[in-house]
Structure formats: structure tokens, C-alpha cells
Protein backbone atom coordinates (compact mmCIF):
# COMPACT_ATOMS: atom_id res chain seq x y z
CA MET A 1 -23.15 123.74 171.33
CA LYS A 2 -20.26 121.50 172.28
CA GLN A 3 -17.40 123.30 173.99
CA LEU A 4 -13.78 122.50 173.27
CA GLY A 5 -11.79 121.55 176.33
CA LEU A 6 -8.50 123.41 175.94
CA GLY A 7 -7.48 123.15 179.57
CA LEU A 8 -7.69 126.94 179.97
CA ASN A 9 -8.97 128.68 183.09
CA LEU A 10 -10.45 131.98 181.92
CA SER A 11 -12.58 132.68 185.00
CA LYS A 12 -10.02 135.01 186.60
CA LYS A 13 -8.77 136.84 183.52
CA LYS A 14 -8.39 140.54 184.35
CA THR A 15 -10.83 141.87 181.77
CA ARG A 16 -11.83 145.54 181.72
CA LYS A 17 -15.21 144.64 183.17
CA ARG A 18 -13.66 142.64 185.99
CA GLN A 19 -11.19 145.44 186.72
CA PHE A 20 -14.05 147.95 186.82
CA LEU A 21 -16.04 145.81 189.27
CA ASP A 22 -12.97 145.18 191.42
CA GLU A 23 -12.37 148.93 191.69
CA MET A 24 -15.98 149.74 192.51
CA ASP A 25 -16.15 146.90 195.02
CA ARG A 26 -13.31 148.55 196.91
CA VAL A 27 -14.76 152.10 196.95
CA VAL A 28 -18.51 151.61 197.44
CA PRO A 29 -19.33 152.07 201.16
CA TRP A 30 -21.33 148.85 201.36
CA ALA A 31 -21.92 148.86 205.11
CA VAL A 32 -23.21 152.45 205.07
CA LEU A 33 -25.60 151.84 202.16
CA MET A 34 -26.93 148.61 203.65
CA GLY A 35 -27.47 150.45 206.93
CA LEU A 36 -29.77 152.89 205.11
CA ILE A 37 -31.79 150.12 203.44
CA GLU A 38 -31.91 147.51 206.21
CA PRO A 39 -34.67 149.17 208.32
CA HIS A 40 -37.00 149.04 205.30
CA TYR A 41 -35.96 145.63 203.97
CA PRO A 42 -38.45 142.73 204.36
CA LYS A 43 -37.71 140.51 207.35
CA GLY A 44 -39.25 137.39 205.80
CA GLU A 45 -41.67 136.75 208.65
CA THR A 46 -44.27 135.49 206.21
CA GLY A 47 -44.05 133.93 202.77
CA ARG A 48 -40.88 133.08 200.91
CA PRO A 49 -37.68 134.26 202.67
CA PRO A 50 -36.17 137.34 200.98
CA LEU A 51 -32.80 137.15 199.31
CA PRO A 52 -29.90 138.57 201.34
CA LEU A 53 -29.75 142.37 201.29
CA PRO A 54 -26.06 142.46 200.18
CA VAL A 55 -26.97 140.38 197.12
CA MET A 56 -29.88 142.64 196.13
CA LEU A 57 -27.89 145.84 196.63
CA ARG A 58 -25.05 144.53 194.47
CA VAL A 59 -27.50 143.39 191.78
CA HIS A 60 -29.12 146.84 191.83
CA LEU A 61 -25.77 148.57 191.30
CA LEU A 62 -24.87 146.16 188.51
CA GLN A 63 -28.07 147.31 186.80
CA GLN A 64 -26.97 150.94 187.02
CA TRP A 65 -23.42 150.38 185.86
CA PHE A 66 -24.35 148.31 182.81
CA GLY A 67 -27.73 149.84 181.87
CA LEU A 68 -29.77 146.65 182.28
CA SER A 69 -33.54 146.39 182.57
CA ASP A 70 -35.07 144.10 185.20
CA PRO A 71 -35.54 141.17 182.74
CA ALA A 72 -32.09 141.74 181.24
CA MET A 73 -30.54 141.75 184.72
CA GLU A 74 -32.17 138.42 185.52
CA GLU A 75 -30.85 136.89 182.31
CA ALA A 76 -27.38 138.35 182.86
CA LEU A 77 -27.19 136.70 186.28
CA HIS A 78 -27.85 133.36 184.58
CA ASP A 79 -25.43 134.01 181.72
CA VAL A 80 -22.50 135.92 183.23
CA PRO A 81 -20.47 134.22 185.99
CA LEU A 82 -18.68 137.50 186.76
CA TYR A 83 -21.98 139.14 187.74
CA ARG A 84 -22.87 136.25 190.04
CA GLU A 85 -19.43 136.40 191.59
CA PHE A 86 -19.72 140.15 192.21
CA ALA A 87 -23.23 139.81 193.67
CA GLY A 88 -22.05 137.10 196.07
CA ILE A 89 -24.28 134.42 194.56
CA ASP A 90 -22.90 130.93 195.06
CA SER A 91 -24.10 127.39 194.54
CA GLY A 92 -25.46 127.30 198.07
CA MET A 93 -28.25 129.76 197.24
CA ALA A 94 -31.61 128.20 196.48
CA ARG A 95 -32.49 130.66 193.72
CA LEU A 96 -31.30 133.62 191.68
CA PRO A 97 -33.04 137.00 191.84
CA ASP A 98 -35.76 137.08 189.19
CA GLU A 99 -37.04 140.21 187.47
CA SER A 100 -39.95 140.61 189.91
CA THR A 101 -37.60 140.50 192.89
CA ILE A 102 -35.29 143.01 191.23
CA LEU A 103 -38.24 145.30 190.46
CA ARG A 104 -39.56 145.12 194.03
CA PHE A 105 -36.15 146.07 195.41
CA ARG A 106 -36.02 149.10 193.13
CA HIS A 107 -39.53 150.11 194.19
CA LEU A 108 -38.47 149.78 197.84
CA LEU A 109 -35.66 152.29 197.26
CA GLU A 110 -38.02 154.67 195.43
CA GLN A 111 -40.76 154.41 198.06
CA HIS A 112 -38.46 155.44 200.91
CA GLY A 113 -36.39 158.02 199.01
CA LEU A 114 -33.26 155.97 199.56
CA ALA A 115 -31.47 157.07 196.38
CA GLN A 116 -31.17 160.60 197.78
CA LYS A 117 -29.98 159.25 201.13
CA MET A 118 -27.38 157.12 199.34
CA LEU A 119 -26.07 160.20 197.51
CA GLU A 120 -25.86 162.09 200.80
CA ALA A 121 -24.04 159.20 202.49
CA VAL A 122 -21.51 158.94 199.66
CA ASN A 123 -20.89 162.70 199.74
CA GLU A 124 -20.46 162.71 203.50
CA LEU A 125 -17.77 160.06 203.08
CA LEU A 126 -16.03 162.11 200.38
CA ARG A 127 -16.16 165.28 202.48
CA ASP A 128 -14.67 163.44 205.45
CA LYS A 129 -11.75 162.41 203.22
CA GLY A 130 -11.27 165.97 201.96
CA LEU A 131 -12.34 165.14 198.42
CA MET A 132 -15.36 167.45 198.33
CA LEU A 133 -15.40 171.06 199.51
CA LYS A 134 -18.28 173.48 200.04
CA ALA A 135 -16.76 176.78 198.92
CA GLY A 136 -18.28 176.82 195.43
CA THR A 137 -21.01 175.23 193.32
CA MET A 138 -21.38 174.77 189.57
CA VAL A 139 -24.85 174.28 188.13
CA ASP A 140 -25.80 172.76 184.80
CA ALA A 141 -28.39 170.55 183.12
CA THR A 142 -28.50 167.94 180.38
CA LEU A 143 -31.34 166.52 178.30
CA ILE A 144 -32.18 162.83 178.67
CA ALA A 145 -34.25 161.42 175.83
CA ALA A 146 -37.42 159.43 176.50
CA PRO A 147 -39.12 156.95 174.14
CA SER A 148 -41.69 158.81 172.04
CA SER A 149 -43.46 155.60 171.02
CA THR A 150 -47.15 155.20 171.91
CA LYS A 151 -47.02 151.41 171.56
CA ASN A 152 -47.64 150.72 175.23
CA GLU A 153 -50.53 149.81 177.52
CA SER A 154 -51.87 153.38 177.76
CA GLY A 155 -51.37 154.15 174.07
CA GLU A 156 -49.70 157.49 174.83
CA ARG A 157 -46.33 159.05 175.46
CA ASP A 158 -45.20 159.54 179.03
CA PRO A 159 -47.31 162.55 180.18
CA GLU A 160 -44.57 163.71 182.58
CA MET A 161 -42.04 164.03 179.74
CA HIS A 162 -42.16 167.00 177.37
CA GLN A 163 -40.44 168.25 174.27
CA THR A 164 -38.11 171.19 173.98
CA LYS A 165 -36.02 172.78 171.26
CA LYS A 166 -32.25 173.04 171.54
CA GLY A 167 -30.60 174.75 168.64
CA ASN A 168 -32.51 173.61 165.58
CA GLN A 169 -33.46 170.21 166.98
CA TRP A 170 -36.43 169.06 169.05
CA TYR A 171 -35.99 166.68 171.97
CA PHE A 172 -38.58 164.71 173.95
CA GLY A 173 -37.75 163.64 177.48
CA MET A 174 -36.52 165.07 180.77
CA LYS A 175 -33.72 167.20 182.15
CA ALA A 176 -31.19 166.23 184.77
CA HIS A 177 -30.15 169.35 186.72
CA ILE A 178 -27.12 169.07 188.98
CA GLY A 179 -25.23 171.15 191.49
CA ALA A 180 -21.58 170.10 191.63
CA ASP A 181 -18.61 171.01 193.80
CA ALA A 182 -16.60 173.71 192.00
CA ASP A 183 -13.29 172.26 193.14
CA SER A 184 -13.74 168.55 192.38
CA GLY A 185 -16.72 168.38 190.02
CA LEU A 186 -18.49 165.91 192.34
CA VAL A 187 -22.29 166.14 192.37
CA HIS A 188 -24.04 167.14 195.59
CA THR A 189 -27.58 167.86 194.33
CA VAL A 190 -29.78 166.29 191.63
CA VAL A 191 -33.16 167.55 190.40
CA GLY A 192 -35.17 165.93 187.60
CA THR A 193 -37.70 167.90 185.56
CA ALA A 194 -39.50 167.71 182.24
CA ALA A 195 -37.34 168.79 179.30
CA ASN A 196 -39.22 172.06 178.79
CA VAL A 197 -38.46 173.44 182.27
CA SER A 198 -36.05 176.37 182.14
CA ASP A 199 -32.65 175.85 183.74
CA LEU A 200 -33.09 179.20 185.44
CA ASN A 201 -36.17 178.02 187.35
CA VAL A 202 -34.22 175.23 189.05
CA ALA A 203 -30.95 177.02 189.83
CA GLY A 204 -31.88 177.87 193.42
CA GLN A 205 -32.64 174.22 194.23
CA LEU A 206 -29.13 173.19 193.17
CA LEU A 207 -27.38 175.18 195.91
CA HIS A 208 -26.51 173.56 199.24
CA GLY A 209 -26.51 176.94 201.03
CA GLN A 210 -22.91 177.09 202.20
CA GLU A 211 -21.16 178.04 198.96
CA GLN A 212 -19.58 181.47 198.53
CA ASP A 213 -19.46 181.35 194.73
CA ALA A 214 -21.62 179.76 192.06
CA PHE A 215 -20.76 179.20 188.40
CA ALA A 216 -23.13 178.72 185.46
CA ASP A 217 -23.27 178.94 181.68
CA ALA A 218 -25.03 181.67 179.71
CA GLY A 219 -28.41 179.96 180.05
CA TYR A 220 -28.54 181.17 183.66
CA GLN A 221 -28.36 184.90 182.85
CA GLY A 222 -30.33 186.84 185.47
CA VAL A 223 -30.09 184.11 188.12
CA HIS A 224 -28.70 186.59 190.68
CA LYS A 225 -32.08 188.36 190.63
CA ARG A 226 -33.93 185.24 191.73
CA GLU A 227 -34.90 185.28 195.40
CA GLU A 228 -34.39 181.52 195.78
CA ALA A 229 -30.86 181.77 194.32
CA GLN A 230 -29.58 184.47 196.67
CA GLY A 231 -26.49 183.82 198.78
CA PRO A 232 -23.43 183.06 196.64
CA ASN A 233 -21.67 185.37 194.22
CA TRP A 234 -22.82 184.22 190.79
CA HIS A 235 -20.31 183.95 187.95
CA VAL A 236 -22.41 183.44 184.81
CA ALA A 237 -20.91 183.12 181.35
CA MET A 238 -21.41 185.92 178.86
CA ARG A 239 -23.76 185.17 175.99
CA ARG A 240 -21.92 183.87 172.93
CA GLY A 241 -22.96 186.70 170.62
CA LYS A 242 -21.81 189.36 173.06
CA ARG A 243 -18.53 187.57 173.69
CA LYS A 244 -17.79 187.34 169.97
CA ARG A 245 -18.02 191.12 169.74
CA LEU A 246 -15.25 191.63 172.32
CA ASN A 247 -12.21 193.41 170.87
CA SER A 248 -8.93 192.08 172.25
CA PHE A 249 -7.19 195.36 171.33
CA ILE A 250 -9.33 197.27 173.82
CA PRO A 251 -7.84 196.68 177.29
CA SER A 252 -11.15 196.50 179.18
CA GLN A 253 -12.58 194.03 176.66
CA ALA A 254 -9.37 191.96 176.67
CA ILE A 255 -9.70 191.66 180.45
CA ALA A 256 -13.36 190.64 180.05
CA GLU A 257 -12.28 187.88 177.64
CA GLN A 258 -9.71 186.59 180.16
CA ILE A 259 -12.39 186.54 182.86
CA GLU A 260 -14.66 184.50 180.57
CA LYS A 261 -11.87 182.00 179.95
CA LEU A 262 -11.30 181.69 183.69
CA LYS A 263 -15.01 181.10 184.34
CA ALA A 264 -15.10 178.50 181.57
CA SER A 265 -12.09 176.65 183.02
CA VAL A 266 -13.88 176.31 186.36
CA ARG A 267 -17.23 175.44 184.81
CA ALA A 268 -15.76 172.71 182.58
CA LYS A 269 -15.66 170.29 185.54
CA VAL A 270 -19.46 170.16 185.66
CA GLU A 271 -19.45 168.23 182.39
CA HIS A 272 -17.48 165.32 183.86
CA PRO A 273 -20.37 163.72 185.82
CA PHE A 274 -22.57 163.87 182.71
CA ARG A 275 -19.84 162.14 180.71
CA VAL A 276 -19.53 159.38 183.32
CA ILE A 277 -23.23 158.50 183.45
CA LYS A 278 -23.68 158.74 179.68
CA ARG A 279 -20.46 157.18 178.42
CA GLN A 280 -19.12 155.06 181.28
CA PHE A 281 -22.52 153.83 182.53
CA GLY A 282 -24.37 154.10 179.19
CA PHE A 283 -27.32 156.11 180.49
CA VAL A 284 -28.55 157.96 177.39
CA LYS A 285 -32.29 157.32 177.54
CA VAL A 286 -34.79 157.10 180.40
CA ARG A 287 -35.87 153.57 181.25
CA TYR A 288 -39.04 154.13 183.29
CA ARG A 289 -42.26 156.13 183.04
CA GLY A 290 -42.57 159.17 185.27
CA LEU A 291 -40.12 161.67 186.69
CA THR A 292 -39.95 160.17 190.18
CA LYS A 293 -38.56 156.81 189.07
CA ASN A 294 -36.13 158.30 186.59
CA THR A 295 -34.91 160.96 189.03
CA ALA A 296 -34.25 158.23 191.61
CA GLN A 297 -32.16 156.35 189.05
CA LEU A 298 -30.29 159.53 188.10
CA THR A 299 -29.54 160.25 191.75
CA THR A 300 -28.11 156.75 192.19
CA LEU A 301 -26.05 157.12 189.02
CA PHE A 302 -24.55 160.42 190.17
CA ALA A 303 -23.70 158.91 193.57
CA LEU A 304 -21.87 156.12 191.73
CA SER A 305 -20.23 158.60 189.34
CA ASN A 306 -18.81 160.46 192.35
CA LEU A 307 -17.20 157.25 193.56
CA TRP A 308 -15.95 156.43 190.06
CA MET A 309 -14.36 159.87 189.62
CA VAL A 310 -12.34 159.63 192.87
CA ARG A 311 -11.85 155.85 192.95
CA ARG A 312 -8.07 156.03 192.69
CA ALA A 313 -7.83 158.48 195.60
CA LEU A 314 -10.12 156.27 197.69
CA VAL A 315 -8.16 153.12 196.86
CA LEU A 316 -4.88 154.87 197.67
CA ASP A 317 -6.31 156.15 200.95
CA GLY A 318 -7.43 152.61 201.84
CA GLU A 319 -3.98 151.22 201.07
CA VAL A 320 -2.29 153.88 203.22
CA ARG A 321 -4.62 153.15 206.13
CA ALA A 322 -3.96 149.43 205.81
CA ARG A 323 -0.20 149.83 206.26
């Protein structure tokens, strides 16, 4: 198709996507993350020299932010100049990352458990800046759908995914369980399970061990009796049916209703990370087969959601330090 030469330079227009990448470029601790990966990254002693680690890390995060598969990421690097600019790819490079290279980098992170280490590194940074406390934890879980199609090489659905019923609807997929800071809503722990695993069975794994209080919805009734969940004072929401029967004209029940509202106001923050990964990053369906791969992706997404949620505070802190 012939392009019209209008004499316009649109390459630096401040689009929403460019603004998003500019903000994330400023808050992602690149040096720290590359320090975690570098010991495991190929040195290129034999065969074709590997692409620079900074390029591959930036390409990997672009995948997470825009929900791109390995082939789609390769095509986007060819089609979208903004992505090449963000990844640090210039005309001097001999080649662009292809889908096989992108896949191998992801497998490298999975093999060495680097997604979890990246989450820990991000959270350590946020704690050092006073943005994440340890006094309280909120726990919650969300369902992530998985493709139910059997039109694949094995001719079957993913055996590690299962179906569960929520309300009157059946879901097939996995669950993302998180433990989040009660003050900021930032995620400190991620556990991935099949969809049919009870939230209650995972609650103890979502604690970091230093919290004094823990908050949960009504699905965690009885959690204080679990040996693995001992330690904090649990504040679990009252079941909906029981709460509806509260009479506001009876003083003791009116107080109970106020306590429930207070617990709900604290617990509401745990929904923010789910909103970020599902709405901001577009993660609504698992991309890979197996819990290990998908949990690694979820862990990376929650690390990035933490940075996204406090990006303005981090940018402001950087500007103050620069003065």
C-alpha cells in the first residue's frame, strides 16, 4: 500500500501505550532483575551468539503487559516501532528475537524459578521505600479460565486444570491465590492451583509469617483452626445469609454489622491486583499447559502489577532523589 507523505513525524506522539511504557521503564528495577537472570543466561561460547540480556528481558515484559504469545511477540517486534524502541533494538542488531528465542528465554526463567525471585526482589525494593508493610495480610483467590478444547496434539484437555462450580456456573481452569499487604494491597505471595482446590486449603501458604492480622472473605470460614494458618489474628467475613439476618435495631447486631463493614473496607484492596492483571494487562485466560508455567507467568504479572500500582510514588521518589 502506498503511503501518503504528509510531512508528519508521528514517532514520538505521546500515545497511551507510549506513556504506559515510559512509566514502567522508569519504575522497573532493571539492574536488579538482570542480576538475577545473568548467572543463568547463555554466554554464547558455542553456536550463535545470544541476544543481549536487556533486550530479552524487555521483550519478555512486553509479552506480559500486552498479552502476546511467542509468535505474536515476534510479529509485533517487526510491526510496532514502539516495541523495538522500548526493547532497545536498533538498526545495528543483526536480527530480531524470533519466537523460538522468546520461548527459550521464558523456559530459562521457569527452569530456575526466576519469576518468584523477581517478585521477591520487587517487594524488597518496595519495602525499602516504605510502600509495603508486614503488619497484615489479605488472602483471596480468583478463577482463571483455561481452553477446554481438545483440538491439540494430545487430543485432551490440560490434565492439570479442573472444573469447579461458582454460583450456578461451571468453570474450567486454575486458581490464582494471593497473599497481599493489608495496608497497600501489594502482592507478596502467589500460589497457583487447579480450579477445584478449596481456598481454605491454601490459606496457610499465603502468609509470610510476620503479620499480626489476616483478612479473608467468607470462603475462609474455619481457617483459624488450620494448623498451617496459625499465627495471625484472622478476621474472616460473616457468611452472607447470616449477615442478612442481622437486625440493626439490636445494639449487639448493629455493632456486628459495623465490624463487617470495617473488615470489608480493608479486604477490598485485595481485589486491586486482580483488576490490574485482568483489565490493565489483559490476562483473562491461561496461555500455557500445566500449572508450573502458568503460575510462573502469574507471579511475573503480580510483580509487575505491584510496580504499576505504586508507579507514581516511585517516579516521585526518583525525582526527589535526583534534585
